[in-house]
N, C-alpha and C. Protein backbone atom coordinates (compact mmCIF):
# COMPACT_ATOMS: atom_id res chain seq x y z
N GLN A 1 118.84 53.55 60.51
CA GLN A 1 119.41 54.84 59.68
C GLN A 1 119.37 55.96 60.35
N VAL A 2 120.29 56.77 60.30
CA VAL A 2 120.40 57.90 61.25
C VAL A 2 120.73 59.03 60.07
N VAL A 3 120.02 60.34 60.24
CA VAL A 3 120.19 61.50 59.48
C VAL A 3 120.82 62.29 60.36
N LEU A 4 121.92 63.19 59.75
CA LEU A 4 122.41 64.22 60.21
C LEU A 4 122.21 65.60 59.25
N VAL A 5 121.50 66.78 60.18
CA VAL A 5 121.31 67.73 59.51
C VAL A 5 122.24 69.14 60.00
N GLU A 6 122.96 69.64 59.13
CA GLU A 6 123.78 70.72 59.53
C GLU A 6 123.14 72.09 59.25
N SER A 7 123.67 72.92 60.10
CA SER A 7 123.33 74.30 59.83
C SER A 7 124.22 75.25 60.36
N GLY A 8 124.23 76.72 59.96
CA GLY A 8 125.14 77.27 60.63
C GLY A 8 126.31 77.94 59.85
N GLY A 9 126.78 77.54 58.68
CA GLY A 9 127.87 77.78 57.95
C GLY A 9 127.90 79.39 57.40
N GLY A 10 128.69 79.94 56.95
CA GLY A 10 128.48 80.96 56.12
C GLY A 10 129.88 81.82 56.13
N LEU A 11 130.12 83.13 55.67
CA LEU A 11 131.05 83.81 55.47
C LEU A 11 131.24 84.98 56.54
N VAL A 12 132.65 84.81 57.19
CA VAL A 12 132.97 85.64 58.38
C VAL A 12 134.36 86.19 58.16
N GLN A 13 134.52 87.43 58.67
CA GLN A 13 135.93 87.97 58.57
C GLN A 13 136.80 87.22 59.58
N ALA A 14 138.10 87.22 59.09
CA ALA A 14 139.13 86.86 60.06
C ALA A 14 138.89 87.22 61.53
N GLY A 15 139.00 86.46 62.39
CA GLY A 15 138.74 87.16 63.83
C GLY A 15 137.21 86.95 64.55
N GLY A 16 136.40 86.82 63.45
CA GLY A 16 135.12 86.62 63.77
C GLY A 16 134.72 85.29 64.20
N SER A 17 133.44 85.07 64.58
CA SER A 17 132.75 83.82 65.17
C SER A 17 131.67 83.42 64.02
N LEU A 18 131.56 82.10 64.18
CA LEU A 18 130.51 81.42 63.81
C LEU A 18 130.06 80.34 64.76
N SER A 19 128.67 79.75 64.48
CA SER A 19 128.39 78.53 65.19
C SER A 19 127.60 77.68 64.52
N LEU A 20 127.83 76.46 64.29
CA LEU A 20 127.42 75.38 63.67
C LEU A 20 126.65 74.50 64.67
N SER A 21 125.60 73.84 64.13
CA SER A 21 124.78 73.00 64.69
C SER A 21 124.46 71.71 63.93
N CYS A 22 124.49 70.41 64.55
CA CYS A 22 124.00 69.59 63.88
C CYS A 22 123.11 68.56 64.57
N ALA A 23 121.99 68.04 63.92
CA ALA A 23 120.73 67.36 64.66
C ALA A 23 120.72 66.02 64.10
N ALA A 24 120.46 65.12 64.96
CA ALA A 24 120.53 63.64 64.65
C ALA A 24 119.24 63.32 64.70
N SER A 25 118.79 62.44 63.58
CA SER A 25 117.22 62.11 63.67
C SER A 25 117.40 60.56 63.27
N GLY A 26 116.16 59.77 63.47
CA GLY A 26 116.02 58.64 62.97
C GLY A 26 115.36 57.66 64.08
N ARG A 27 115.51 56.46 63.80
CA ARG A 27 114.63 55.51 64.57
C ARG A 27 115.51 54.67 65.14
N TYR A 28 115.35 54.36 66.63
CA TYR A 28 115.95 53.39 67.31
C TYR A 28 117.55 53.29 67.00
N PHE A 29 117.94 54.37 67.41
CA PHE A 29 119.39 54.46 67.37
C PHE A 29 120.03 55.09 69.03
N SER A 30 121.16 54.99 69.30
CA SER A 30 121.93 55.34 70.25
C SER A 30 123.27 56.13 69.90
N LEU A 31 123.32 57.21 70.45
CA LEU A 31 124.58 57.99 70.42
C LEU A 31 125.48 57.85 71.34
N TYR A 32 126.84 57.42 70.67
CA TYR A 32 127.78 57.30 71.47
C TYR A 32 128.92 58.39 71.45
N ALA A 33 129.25 59.12 70.29
CA ALA A 33 129.79 60.33 70.22
C ALA A 33 129.39 61.06 69.01
N MET A 34 129.59 62.28 68.71
CA MET A 34 129.22 63.19 67.83
C MET A 34 130.67 63.99 67.33
N ALA A 35 130.85 64.40 66.10
CA ALA A 35 132.28 64.94 66.11
C ALA A 35 131.88 65.95 64.72
N TRP A 36 132.88 66.78 64.67
CA TRP A 36 133.16 67.72 63.41
C TRP A 36 134.28 67.40 62.96
N PHE A 37 134.35 67.33 61.48
CA PHE A 37 135.43 67.16 60.52
C PHE A 37 135.44 68.39 59.58
N ARG A 38 136.48 68.61 58.81
CA ARG A 38 136.39 69.56 57.92
C ARG A 38 137.38 69.23 56.94
N GLN A 39 137.13 69.74 55.59
CA GLN A 39 138.03 69.45 54.30
C GLN A 39 138.04 70.58 53.47
N ALA A 40 139.36 70.96 53.48
CA ALA A 40 139.52 72.23 52.63
C ALA A 40 139.83 71.77 51.29
N PRO A 41 139.86 72.63 50.04
CA PRO A 41 140.00 72.22 48.88
C PRO A 41 141.56 71.63 48.74
N GLY A 42 141.48 70.53 47.94
CA GLY A 42 142.92 69.97 47.81
C GLY A 42 143.39 69.05 49.16
N LYS A 43 142.69 69.14 50.03
CA LYS A 43 143.07 68.30 51.19
C LYS A 43 142.43 67.17 51.96
N GLU A 44 142.93 66.78 52.86
CA GLU A 44 142.27 65.51 53.17
C GLU A 44 141.12 65.92 54.32
N ARG A 45 140.25 65.20 54.30
CA ARG A 45 139.27 65.44 55.76
C ARG A 45 140.08 65.42 57.04
N GLU A 46 139.86 66.35 57.89
CA GLU A 46 140.65 66.49 58.94
C GLU A 46 139.59 66.65 60.36
N PHE A 47 140.04 65.92 61.29
CA PHE A 47 139.31 65.79 62.49
C PHE A 47 139.48 67.37 63.10
N VAL A 48 138.07 67.63 63.85
CA VAL A 48 138.34 69.19 64.55
C VAL A 48 138.00 68.82 65.94
N ALA A 49 136.85 68.12 66.29
CA ALA A 49 136.63 68.07 67.58
C ALA A 49 135.54 66.98 67.90
N THR A 50 135.51 66.30 68.98
CA THR A 50 134.52 65.30 69.16
C THR A 50 133.92 65.47 70.88
N ILE A 51 132.74 65.17 70.89
CA ILE A 51 131.96 64.85 72.16
C ILE A 51 131.47 63.76 72.28
N THR A 52 131.62 63.11 73.59
CA THR A 52 130.97 61.48 73.86
C THR A 52 129.55 61.86 74.51
N TRP A 53 128.90 60.74 74.25
CA TRP A 53 127.55 60.42 74.96
C TRP A 53 127.97 59.18 75.81
N PRO A 54 127.54 59.28 77.07
CA PRO A 54 126.80 60.45 77.79
C PRO A 54 127.70 61.24 78.84
N TYR A 55 128.75 60.97 78.89
CA TYR A 55 129.67 61.82 79.63
C TYR A 55 130.15 63.14 79.02
N GLY A 56 130.04 63.51 77.82
CA GLY A 56 130.33 64.69 77.22
C GLY A 56 131.76 65.06 77.23
N ARG A 57 132.69 64.00 77.28
CA ARG A 57 134.01 64.33 77.17
C ARG A 57 134.44 64.86 75.77
N THR A 58 135.19 65.83 75.59
CA THR A 58 135.68 66.64 74.67
C THR A 58 137.15 66.24 74.34
N TYR A 59 137.30 66.30 72.87
CA TYR A 59 138.73 66.16 72.44
C TYR A 59 138.71 67.30 71.13
N TYR A 60 139.73 67.76 71.09
CA TYR A 60 140.28 68.76 69.97
C TYR A 60 141.42 68.45 69.04
N VAL A 61 141.26 68.88 67.90
CA VAL A 61 142.50 69.14 67.18
C VAL A 61 143.42 70.17 67.65
N ASP A 62 144.91 70.05 67.88
CA ASP A 62 145.28 71.20 68.30
C ASP A 62 145.33 72.59 67.89
N SER A 63 144.96 72.59 66.51
CA SER A 63 144.90 73.98 65.82
C SER A 63 143.87 74.77 66.16
N VAL A 64 142.71 74.10 66.71
CA VAL A 64 141.44 74.69 67.23
C VAL A 64 141.39 74.81 68.72
N LYS A 65 142.18 74.34 69.69
CA LYS A 65 141.98 74.53 71.14
C LYS A 65 142.11 75.82 71.62
N GLY A 66 141.47 76.10 72.45
CA GLY A 66 140.96 77.59 72.96
C GLY A 66 140.31 78.62 72.02
N ARG A 67 139.90 78.07 70.89
CA ARG A 67 139.17 78.90 70.04
C ARG A 67 137.89 78.36 69.55
N PHE A 68 137.82 76.98 69.55
CA PHE A 68 136.46 76.19 69.11
C PHE A 68 136.09 75.55 70.36
N THR A 69 134.66 75.36 70.44
CA THR A 69 134.21 74.71 71.68
C THR A 69 132.89 73.83 71.05
N ILE A 70 133.03 72.58 71.23
CA ILE A 70 131.87 71.59 70.80
C ILE A 70 131.03 71.32 72.30
N SER A 71 129.69 71.15 71.83
CA SER A 71 128.99 71.15 72.98
C SER A 71 127.61 70.24 72.39
N ARG A 72 126.92 69.85 73.46
CA ARG A 72 125.57 69.02 72.95
C ARG A 72 124.55 69.26 73.82
N ASP A 73 123.49 68.65 72.99
CA ASP A 73 122.07 69.08 73.88
C ASP A 73 121.59 67.60 73.78
N GLY A 74 121.87 66.89 74.84
CA GLY A 74 121.47 65.20 74.77
C GLY A 74 119.93 65.09 74.44
N ALA A 75 119.28 65.70 74.93
CA ALA A 75 117.57 65.48 74.79
C ALA A 75 117.37 65.86 73.30
N LYS A 76 117.94 66.45 72.48
CA LYS A 76 117.94 66.96 71.22
C LYS A 76 118.68 66.14 70.14
N ASN A 77 119.64 65.42 70.92
CA ASN A 77 120.55 64.64 69.95
C ASN A 77 121.18 65.59 68.94
N THR A 78 121.75 66.92 69.39
CA THR A 78 122.08 68.08 68.76
C THR A 78 123.54 68.15 69.35
N VAL A 79 124.47 68.55 68.17
CA VAL A 79 125.87 68.97 68.70
C VAL A 79 126.07 70.14 68.04
N TYR A 80 126.83 71.03 68.67
CA TYR A 80 127.23 72.32 68.19
C TYR A 80 128.83 72.65 68.26
N LEU A 81 129.13 73.37 67.39
CA LEU A 81 130.37 73.70 67.30
C LEU A 81 130.57 75.35 67.41
N GLN A 82 130.93 75.90 68.49
CA GLN A 82 131.30 77.22 68.60
C GLN A 82 132.64 77.77 68.10
N MET A 83 132.71 78.58 66.93
CA MET A 83 134.15 78.71 66.34
C MET A 83 134.22 80.29 66.81
N ASN A 84 135.38 80.50 67.25
CA ASN A 84 135.63 81.98 67.68
C ASN A 84 137.26 82.17 67.24
N SER A 85 137.31 83.43 67.04
CA SER A 85 138.84 83.86 66.57
C SER A 85 139.34 82.94 65.28
N LEU A 86 138.30 83.13 64.12
CA LEU A 86 138.41 82.36 62.91
C LEU A 86 139.59 82.81 62.13
N LYS A 87 140.23 81.89 61.75
CA LYS A 87 141.42 82.16 60.81
C LYS A 87 141.39 81.73 59.39
N PRO A 88 141.74 82.31 58.28
CA PRO A 88 141.68 81.92 57.01
C PRO A 88 142.02 80.43 56.80
N GLU A 89 142.74 79.85 57.55
CA GLU A 89 142.93 78.33 57.48
C GLU A 89 142.08 77.41 58.09
N ASP A 90 140.97 78.13 58.63
CA ASP A 90 139.64 77.42 59.14
C ASP A 90 138.80 76.97 58.04
N MET A 91 138.97 77.84 56.89
CA MET A 91 137.88 77.64 55.74
C MET A 91 137.99 76.54 55.22
N ALA A 92 136.77 75.90 55.17
CA ALA A 92 136.46 74.61 54.69
C ALA A 92 135.00 74.10 54.70
N VAL A 93 134.66 73.01 54.22
CA VAL A 93 133.53 72.53 54.23
C VAL A 93 133.62 71.65 55.66
N TYR A 94 132.66 71.87 56.59
CA TYR A 94 132.68 71.20 57.95
C TYR A 94 131.44 70.18 57.77
N TYR A 95 131.70 68.90 58.56
CA TYR A 95 131.14 67.76 58.24
C TYR A 95 130.76 67.40 59.77
N CYS A 96 129.40 67.04 60.03
CA CYS A 96 129.28 66.31 61.23
C CYS A 96 129.32 64.98 60.90
N ALA A 97 129.67 64.19 61.98
CA ALA A 97 129.48 62.89 62.18
C ALA A 97 129.08 62.31 63.56
N ALA A 98 128.35 61.02 63.27
CA ALA A 98 128.01 60.38 64.60
C ALA A 98 128.45 58.89 64.80
N ARG A 99 128.72 58.60 65.91
CA ARG A 99 128.88 57.18 65.98
C ARG A 99 127.91 56.49 66.77
N THR A 100 127.30 55.51 66.43
CA THR A 100 126.21 54.62 67.20
C THR A 100 126.66 53.47 67.43
N ARG A 101 127.85 53.10 67.64
CA ARG A 101 128.53 51.93 68.17
C ARG A 101 129.04 52.19 69.58
N ILE A 102 129.04 51.28 70.47
CA ILE A 102 129.81 51.71 71.63
C ILE A 102 131.25 51.48 71.39
N ALA A 103 131.48 50.45 70.86
CA ALA A 103 133.28 50.23 70.72
C ALA A 103 133.72 51.20 69.67
N TYR A 104 134.75 51.69 69.89
CA TYR A 104 135.73 52.50 69.06
C TYR A 104 137.07 52.38 69.24
N THR A 105 137.72 52.66 68.30
CA THR A 105 139.45 52.52 68.33
C THR A 105 140.25 53.96 68.32
N ASN A 106 139.51 54.73 67.53
CA ASN A 106 140.24 56.05 67.52
C ASN A 106 139.24 57.26 67.15
N PRO A 107 138.95 57.96 68.32
CA PRO A 107 137.84 58.97 68.02
C PRO A 107 138.28 60.20 67.10
N TYR A 108 139.57 60.04 66.67
CA TYR A 108 139.91 61.37 65.93
C TYR A 108 140.01 60.86 64.25
N SER A 109 139.50 59.82 64.26
CA SER A 109 139.68 58.98 62.99
C SER A 109 138.32 59.06 62.26
N ALA A 110 138.23 59.23 60.93
CA ALA A 110 136.82 59.17 60.50
C ALA A 110 136.16 57.84 60.34
N ASP A 111 136.93 56.69 60.18
CA ASP A 111 136.54 55.49 60.19
C ASP A 111 135.84 55.17 61.44
N ASP A 112 135.81 55.89 62.47
CA ASP A 112 135.09 55.54 63.70
C ASP A 112 133.68 55.83 63.69
N TYR A 113 133.33 56.75 62.68
CA TYR A 113 131.97 57.34 62.60
C TYR A 113 131.18 56.73 61.60
N ASP A 114 129.67 56.37 61.98
CA ASP A 114 128.95 55.61 61.06
C ASP A 114 128.24 56.65 60.19
N TYR A 115 127.84 57.80 60.64
CA TYR A 115 126.84 58.38 59.65
C TYR A 115 127.38 59.74 59.62
N TRP A 116 127.11 60.72 58.40
CA TRP A 116 127.67 61.87 58.14
C TRP A 116 126.75 62.81 57.54
N GLY A 117 126.98 63.88 57.95
CA GLY A 117 126.13 64.93 57.43
C GLY A 117 126.54 65.54 55.94
N GLN A 118 125.87 66.32 55.43
CA GLN A 118 126.02 66.86 54.00
C GLN A 118 127.02 67.78 54.06
N GLY A 119 127.44 68.55 54.92
CA GLY A 119 128.47 69.39 55.07
C GLY A 119 128.07 70.90 54.86
N THR A 120 128.53 71.66 55.69
CA THR A 120 128.39 73.15 55.58
C THR A 120 129.57 74.08 55.41
N GLN A 121 129.40 75.00 54.30
CA GLN A 121 130.91 75.87 53.96
C GLN A 121 131.01 76.87 55.22
N VAL A 122 132.16 76.85 55.53
CA VAL A 122 132.56 77.94 56.57
C VAL A 122 133.77 78.73 55.65
N THR A 123 133.30 79.86 55.09
CA THR A 123 134.56 80.72 54.52
C THR A 123 134.84 82.02 55.42
N VAL A 124 136.29 82.37 55.51
CA VAL A 124 136.86 83.03 56.29
C VAL A 124 137.72 83.94 55.36
N SER A 125 137.40 85.28 55.52
CA SER A 125 138.18 86.36 54.63
C SER A 125 139.10 86.81 55.46
N SER A 126 139.94 87.25 54.69
CA SER A 126 141.25 87.93 55.55
C SER A 126 141.50 89.28 55.18
């Protein structure tokens, strides 16, 4: 069992920045990727970014490229999401996810991840 604990959400004005973090804990697990997804009211959960273990390859949804940066601290099993130039359309509940299996089919799909955090609200005022 892996537990993901997110922190860092909040309220920010459009154009501002926020940083999210997510720490994974548990016994006898291996991480192969961690990701951020988001879900706005009335919309489906959307992939935002992912980073692989151990090579740190990153992938982003087009709408956040150049504005968001995903990074990790392998020693702490923690992933971060630095969000700059926030827009009202970035407002959502952001979820951290972890993949603990080597095999994967689609890193952009929620189905590829085994564990999820509780979510943290990001509110962007215009």
